[in-house]
Amino acid sequence: MKALIFAAGKGTRLKPFTDHHPKALAKVNEIPLLERNITYLKSFGIKDFVINIHHFGDQIVDFLNKNNNFGCRIEISDETNELLETGGGLIFARKFLDHGEDFLIMNADILTDLNINELVAYHKKIKDFATLAVSDRESSRKLLFNDDMVLRGWLNVQTGEQRLAEFNKGFKALAFSGIHCINPTIFEKIKRTGKFSVMEEYLDLMQTEHIHGFVHNSILIDVGRPSSVTEAEKHFK
């Protein structure tokens, strides 16, 4: 299986580090996030990667070259000219991914011990075009699922704003983990072009398509700000 790692973002919450570096090279116990996630995915047999770059992307390319791609096959989806966000970045990387095989997407700034094999097995069993890893944890935004774990909405916890596919019948509110398993048929379903969030597409597609959530109880830390680096260092040695 191939994995797309989103490493293009500007990482403004991690300033001042990201004034001079890409957030994917921020270190947790002296090991860069990108290295940690390549090693993590390799532990499940994934050795074929696409990494998108924009903000200080040359530093990511140099880092990979110096480490011989960590023994993996790595293709670079170069968004130097324009940062395309998650949806646009996925479409831009289509040439690397649209080969009839399921693939994984992971944000570079996520650290987790989620069992990827279990996520992939669940995805293959239900045969959706997208399966989203989710967990019950604090988050300012939640995804809403029915009793069959089918995506039915989105909630902004702070403002109460909701986007719903149907009346909220006591839906489960769970936080997206930044990891999704995808079938390339998604490329035929996405309507947006240019710069956009893939979550916007999911919230449109939930009106007509089944998108399941995969619930996990694993450690998961969004290493988006300096305080979360400190938290991550307690769990990831």
Protein backbone atom coordinates (compact mmCIF):
# COMPACT_ATOMS: atom_id res chain seq x y z
CA MET A 1 0.00 0.00 0.00
CA LYS A 2 1.13 3.53 -0.79
CA ALA A 3 0.84 6.39 1.71
CA LEU A 4 0.45 10.12 1.04
CA ILE A 5 1.92 12.26 3.81
CA PHE A 6 0.74 15.86 3.89
CA ALA A 7 3.85 17.88 4.72
CA ALA A 8 3.19 21.10 2.79
CA GLY A 9 1.51 23.25 5.43
CA LYS A 10 3.00 26.45 6.84
CA GLY A 11 2.60 25.34 10.45
CA THR A 12 1.89 28.84 11.76
CA ARG A 13 0.94 27.49 15.21
CA LEU A 14 4.50 26.14 15.57
CA LYS A 15 6.19 29.51 15.19
CA PRO A 16 8.97 30.51 15.64
CA PHE A 17 10.31 27.11 14.43
CA THR A 18 8.29 27.34 11.22
CA ASP A 19 9.63 30.80 10.40
CA HIS A 20 12.70 28.99 9.10
CA HIS A 21 11.69 25.30 8.76
CA PRO A 22 8.80 23.11 7.59
CA LYS A 23 6.64 21.79 10.45
CA ALA A 24 7.26 18.22 9.25
CA LEU A 25 10.85 18.58 10.47
CA ALA A 26 9.86 19.74 13.97
CA LYS A 27 11.48 17.35 16.44
CA VAL A 28 9.94 15.25 19.20
CA ASN A 29 12.73 13.89 21.42
CA GLU A 30 15.21 14.92 18.72
CA ILE A 31 13.50 12.91 15.97
CA PRO A 32 11.69 14.88 13.20
CA LEU A 33 7.96 14.24 12.80
CA LEU A 34 8.40 13.16 9.18
CA GLU A 35 11.00 10.56 10.14
CA ARG A 36 8.78 9.29 12.96
CA ASN A 37 5.81 8.83 10.62
CA ILE A 38 7.78 7.16 7.85
CA THR A 39 9.19 4.74 10.45
CA TYR A 40 5.73 4.25 11.96
CA LEU A 41 4.13 3.40 8.60
CA LYS A 42 7.10 1.20 7.66
CA SER A 43 6.35 -0.89 10.75
CA PHE A 44 3.10 -1.90 9.01
CA GLY A 45 4.89 -2.82 5.79
CA ILE A 46 4.33 0.48 3.95
CA LYS A 47 7.45 1.46 2.01
CA ASP A 48 5.96 3.44 -0.87
CA PHE A 49 5.31 7.12 -0.13
CA VAL A 50 4.16 10.33 -1.71
CA ILE A 51 5.04 13.46 0.27
CA ASN A 52 3.64 16.85 -0.66
CA ILE A 53 5.79 19.90 -0.04
CA HIS A 54 5.45 23.70 -0.13
CA HIS A 55 6.73 25.60 2.94
CA PHE A 56 10.55 25.18 2.98
CA GLY A 57 10.01 22.11 0.80
CA ASP A 58 13.66 22.04 -0.23
CA GLN A 59 14.58 21.24 3.39
CA ILE A 60 12.32 18.17 3.29
CA VAL A 61 13.88 16.98 0.01
CA ASP A 62 17.39 17.49 1.43
CA PHE A 63 16.45 15.66 4.64
CA LEU A 64 15.12 12.67 2.69
CA ASN A 65 18.16 12.58 0.42
CA LYS A 66 20.57 12.69 3.37
CA ASN A 67 18.77 9.72 4.90
CA ASN A 68 18.48 7.74 1.66
CA ASN A 69 14.67 8.01 1.87
CA PHE A 70 14.84 5.77 4.96
CA GLY A 71 15.05 2.77 2.64
CA CYS A 72 11.72 3.60 1.00
CA ARG A 73 10.46 4.65 -2.42
CA ILE A 74 9.43 8.29 -2.05
CA GLU A 75 7.85 10.52 -4.67
CA ILE A 76 7.53 14.27 -4.12
CA SER A 77 4.34 16.12 -4.99
CA ASP A 78 5.76 19.61 -5.31
CA GLU A 79 3.30 22.41 -4.47
CA THR A 80 6.00 25.09 -4.34
CA ASN A 81 4.00 27.35 -6.66
CA GLU A 82 0.78 27.20 -4.64
CA LEU A 83 -0.23 25.62 -1.33
CA LEU A 84 -3.34 23.61 -2.23
CA GLU A 85 -4.58 22.41 1.21
CA THR A 86 -5.61 18.79 1.77
CA GLY A 87 -8.16 18.44 -1.02
CA GLY A 88 -6.21 20.30 -3.64
CA GLY A 89 -3.07 18.50 -2.53
CA LEU A 90 -4.77 15.14 -2.98
CA ILE A 91 -5.92 16.04 -6.50
CA PHE A 92 -2.47 17.41 -7.37
CA ALA A 93 -0.91 14.10 -6.29
CA ARG A 94 -3.40 12.04 -8.32
CA LYS A 95 -0.81 10.89 -10.85
CA PHE A 96 1.05 9.13 -8.04
CA LEU A 97 -2.03 7.54 -6.46
CA ASP A 98 -4.68 6.73 -9.08
CA HIS A 99 -3.59 3.18 -9.89
CA GLY A 100 -6.54 1.10 -8.74
CA GLU A 101 -5.12 0.33 -5.27
CA ASP A 102 -6.30 1.67 -1.92
CA PHE A 103 -3.91 4.14 -0.31
CA LEU A 104 -3.43 5.83 3.03
CA ILE A 105 -3.35 9.56 3.81
CA MET A 106 -1.71 10.90 6.94
CA ASN A 107 -0.93 14.40 8.20
CA ALA A 108 2.78 14.84 8.95
CA ASP A 109 2.09 16.54 12.27
CA ILE A 110 0.11 13.64 13.77
CA LEU A 111 1.79 11.19 16.15
CA THR A 112 -0.13 8.05 17.03
CA ASP A 113 0.17 4.35 17.83
CA LEU A 114 -3.01 3.51 15.90
CA ASN A 115 -2.88 0.02 14.37
CA ILE A 116 -2.88 0.79 10.65
CA ASN A 117 -3.56 -2.86 9.76
CA GLU A 118 -6.87 -2.71 11.64
CA LEU A 119 -7.89 0.50 9.86
CA VAL A 120 -7.06 -0.97 6.45
CA ALA A 121 -8.88 -4.24 7.21
CA TYR A 122 -12.00 -2.29 8.25
CA HIS A 123 -11.79 -0.14 5.12
CA LYS A 124 -11.54 -3.19 2.85
CA LYS A 125 -14.42 -4.90 4.66
CA ILE A 126 -16.90 -2.05 4.24
CA LYS A 127 -15.67 -1.13 0.74
CA ASP A 128 -16.24 2.62 1.03
CA PHE A 129 -14.18 5.04 -1.05
CA ALA A 130 -13.05 6.70 2.19
CA THR A 131 -12.69 5.53 5.79
CA LEU A 132 -11.76 8.13 8.40
CA ALA A 133 -9.90 7.29 11.60
CA VAL A 134 -11.67 9.01 14.52
CA SER A 135 -11.50 8.95 18.31
CA ASP A 136 -13.29 10.31 21.35
CA ARG A 137 -11.01 13.15 22.44
CA GLU A 138 -11.08 16.90 22.91
CA SER A 139 -11.28 18.87 19.68
CA SER A 140 -12.81 22.16 18.59
CA ARG A 141 -14.44 20.41 15.64
CA LYS A 142 -16.12 17.03 15.60
CA LEU A 143 -17.51 14.71 12.96
CA LEU A 144 -20.97 13.25 13.59
CA PHE A 145 -21.75 9.59 12.96
CA ASN A 146 -24.91 7.48 13.15
CA ASP A 147 -25.13 4.10 14.92
CA ASP A 148 -23.58 2.38 11.86
CA MET A 149 -20.61 4.77 12.01
CA VAL A 150 -21.63 6.47 8.75
CA LEU A 151 -20.70 10.16 8.52
CA ARG A 152 -23.79 12.34 8.89
CA GLY A 153 -22.45 15.71 9.96
CA TRP A 154 -19.91 18.15 11.34
CA LEU A 155 -19.94 20.25 14.49
CA ASN A 156 -18.00 23.32 15.59
CA VAL A 157 -17.91 22.69 19.34
CA GLN A 158 -17.13 26.32 20.19
CA THR A 159 -19.84 28.03 18.10
CA GLY A 160 -22.42 25.23 17.89
CA GLU A 161 -22.46 25.49 14.09
CA GLN A 162 -23.46 22.21 12.42
CA ARG A 163 -23.55 20.77 8.93
CA LEU A 164 -25.90 17.80 8.74
CA ALA A 165 -26.96 15.24 6.16
CA GLU A 166 -30.14 14.65 8.16
CA PHE A 167 -31.72 15.61 11.48
CA ASN A 168 -29.32 14.93 14.35
CA LYS A 169 -30.73 11.83 16.03
CA GLY A 170 -28.18 11.72 18.82
CA PHE A 171 -25.20 11.26 16.52
CA LYS A 172 -21.82 10.31 17.99
CA ALA A 173 -19.43 13.30 17.97
CA LEU A 174 -15.86 12.14 17.34
CA ALA A 175 -12.62 13.91 16.43
CA PHE A 176 -10.94 13.21 13.08
CA SER A 177 -7.47 11.75 13.55
CA GLY A 178 -5.85 13.06 10.36
CA ILE A 179 -5.55 9.54 8.94
CA HIS A 180 -7.80 8.16 6.20
CA CYS A 181 -7.82 5.09 3.97
CA ILE A 182 -8.90 5.92 0.43
CA ASN A 183 -9.96 4.11 -2.72
CA PRO A 184 -8.92 5.94 -5.91
CA THR A 185 -12.57 6.13 -7.02
CA ILE A 186 -12.54 9.28 -4.87
CA PHE A 187 -10.93 11.10 -7.80
CA GLU A 188 -14.12 10.64 -9.82
CA LYS A 189 -16.28 11.95 -6.96
CA ILE A 190 -14.46 15.14 -5.95
CA LYS A 191 -16.01 18.17 -7.63
CA ARG A 192 -13.81 21.00 -6.36
CA THR A 193 -10.63 22.17 -8.07
CA GLY A 194 -7.74 24.37 -6.98
CA LYS A 195 -7.20 25.02 -3.29
CA PHE A 196 -9.67 23.36 -0.90
CA SER A 197 -10.02 21.10 2.13
CA VAL A 198 -10.80 17.44 1.54
CA MET A 199 -13.12 17.61 4.56
CA GLU A 200 -15.36 20.01 2.61
CA GLU A 201 -15.72 17.32 -0.04
CA TYR A 202 -16.50 14.66 2.56
CA LEU A 203 -19.25 16.86 4.00
CA ASP A 204 -20.75 17.31 0.52
CA LEU A 205 -20.40 13.64 -0.38
CA MET A 206 -22.00 12.42 2.86
CA GLN A 207 -25.33 13.56 1.39
CA THR A 208 -25.21 10.80 -1.24
CA GLU A 209 -22.35 8.46 -0.30
CA HIS A 210 -21.37 6.28 2.64
CA ILE A 211 -18.22 7.44 4.41
CA HIS A 212 -17.48 5.37 7.51
CA GLY A 213 -15.53 6.25 10.61
CA PHE A 214 -13.07 3.83 12.19
CA VAL A 215 -13.02 4.35 15.95
CA HIS A 216 -9.73 3.84 17.76
CA ASN A 217 -8.61 4.35 21.35
CA SER A 218 -4.96 4.86 20.50
CA ILE A 219 -2.69 7.65 21.64
CA LEU A 220 -2.97 10.49 19.16
CA ILE A 221 -1.33 13.90 19.43
CA ASP A 222 -1.65 16.72 16.92
CA VAL A 223 1.81 18.26 17.17
CA GLY A 224 0.59 21.64 16.01
CA ARG A 225 1.93 23.95 18.72
CA PRO A 226 4.94 24.03 21.08
CA SER A 227 2.88 22.78 24.06
CA SER A 228 1.87 19.67 22.09
CA VAL A 229 5.54 18.91 21.37
CA THR A 230 6.06 18.72 25.13
CA GLU A 231 3.02 16.44 25.47
CA ALA A 232 4.18 14.23 22.58
CA GLU A 233 7.61 13.79 24.19
CA LYS A 234 5.95 12.07 27.15
CA HIS A 235 4.49 9.38 24.88
CA PHE A 236 6.91 9.05 21.98
CA LYS A 237 10.48 8.39 23.01
